[in-house]
Amino acid sequence: MDHALPPSTIITISHEDFCLFHKMDRKLYWILVINLYRNPTESMQVLAMWLWLERLGYRHLVKKITSLPYTLINEVADETLSCLKYINATNFSYFSYSIPFTSEPCDISLLQSIVDKEISSQSLYDNKD
């Protein structure tokens, strides 16, 4: 079932609603870069993966991560970065420029403890397209 709006439909949103859009994503990026002194490009890639996981059905992941203590956010970001290295190991992509090559599956046990359903680096690799 297609839920797309007809081309002639005009949607208006308030300035307040516009500002609220991705507010939590921006907050988490701020925490990664400003509070945890992480690399801005890597932080963008980590956040992009978390948003991708939400699209795959891992609901409210960004919200859950944002509610964690900073030390745990940093550890989840480290796990996610190692997972990105694994996912991109045999595939040349935008991320390949800044993430070194690795072909070993990554440990994402902390990330697994946050999500509501099974997740593994191999399943992420298999669904990367």
Foldseek 3Di string as FASTA:
>chain_A
DDPDDPPVDDDDDDPVVVCVVCPLLVVLLCCVCPVVVHDSVLSVVLSVVQVVVVVVPQPPLSVLLSPDPSVLVVVQSVQSLVLVLCLCQPPDDPCPVPRPHDNDWTDNPSSCVRTDDDDGSVVCSVPVD
